[in-house]
Protein backbone atom coordinates (compact mmCIF):
# COMPACT_ATOMS: atom_id res chain seq x y z
CA MET A 1 83.88 23.83 59.13
CA LYS A 2 86.16 21.07 60.31
CA ALA A 3 85.29 17.40 60.68
CA ASN A 4 85.80 17.54 64.45
CA GLU A 5 83.24 20.32 64.73
CA VAL A 6 80.75 18.32 62.68
CA ARG A 7 81.24 15.16 64.74
CA GLN A 8 80.31 17.02 67.93
CA LEU A 9 76.80 17.75 66.64
CA ASN A 10 73.89 15.40 67.33
CA ALA A 11 71.65 13.89 64.63
CA THR A 12 69.02 16.65 64.59
CA GLU A 13 71.66 19.37 64.51
CA LEU A 14 73.38 17.59 61.62
CA GLU A 15 70.14 17.41 59.63
CA SER A 16 69.42 21.09 60.20
CA LYS A 17 73.02 22.01 59.31
CA LEU A 18 72.74 19.98 56.10
CA GLY A 19 69.57 21.81 55.12
CA GLU A 20 71.18 25.15 55.87
CA LEU A 21 74.28 24.31 53.81
CA LYS A 22 72.18 23.15 50.86
CA LYS A 23 70.18 26.38 50.99
CA ASP A 24 73.40 28.41 51.06
CA LEU A 25 74.76 26.43 48.10
CA PHE A 26 71.60 27.12 46.12
CA MET A 27 71.86 30.84 46.82
CA LEU A 28 75.53 30.89 45.81
CA ARG A 29 74.75 29.07 42.57
CA MET A 30 72.05 31.59 41.78
CA ALA A 31 74.45 34.46 42.47
CA HIS A 32 77.08 32.79 40.29
CA ALA A 33 74.60 32.35 37.43
CA THR A 34 73.75 36.04 37.50
CA ASN A 35 77.44 37.04 37.73
CA GLN A 36 77.00 38.56 41.19
CA LEU A 37 79.27 36.13 43.03
CA GLU A 38 82.56 37.67 44.14
CA ASN A 39 84.24 34.49 45.43
CA PRO A 40 83.40 31.35 43.38
CA ILE A 41 85.74 29.25 45.52
CA ARG A 42 83.12 29.46 48.25
CA ILE A 43 80.87 27.12 46.21
CA GLN A 44 83.57 24.47 46.33
CA ALA A 45 84.04 24.94 50.07
CA LEU A 46 80.29 24.56 50.69
CA LYS A 47 80.21 21.35 48.65
CA ARG A 48 82.98 19.97 50.84
CA ASP A 49 81.13 20.98 54.01
CA ILE A 50 77.99 19.23 52.72
CA ALA A 51 80.04 16.11 52.04
CA ARG A 52 81.52 16.22 55.55
CA VAL A 53 78.10 16.51 57.14
CA LYS A 54 76.71 13.66 55.01
CA THR A 55 79.69 11.49 55.91
CA VAL A 56 79.23 12.06 59.63
CA ILE A 57 75.48 11.40 59.35
CA ARG A 58 76.22 8.10 57.63
CA GLU A 59 78.85 7.17 60.21
CA LYS A 60 76.40 7.81 63.03
CA GLN A 61 73.71 5.76 61.27
CA ARG A 62 76.09 2.84 60.99
CA GLY A 63 77.26 3.26 64.57
CA GLU A 64 80.90 3.86 63.69
CA VAL A 65 81.18 7.07 65.73
CA SER A 66 79.52 7.51 69.07
């Protein structure tokens, strides 16, 4: 997910996307703990996506991005 795609979402969509990403991260961590995860790099990518979404949420709260 790119930053431009995230910035196009509204506040409610961002919150739901954040919840979805956190749920996916939890499931990947569980799979990694049980040695069932084929691509551990995906965990890192999800963390970055979560950070992007949180950054855009914060920007919108502060009014930096319309």
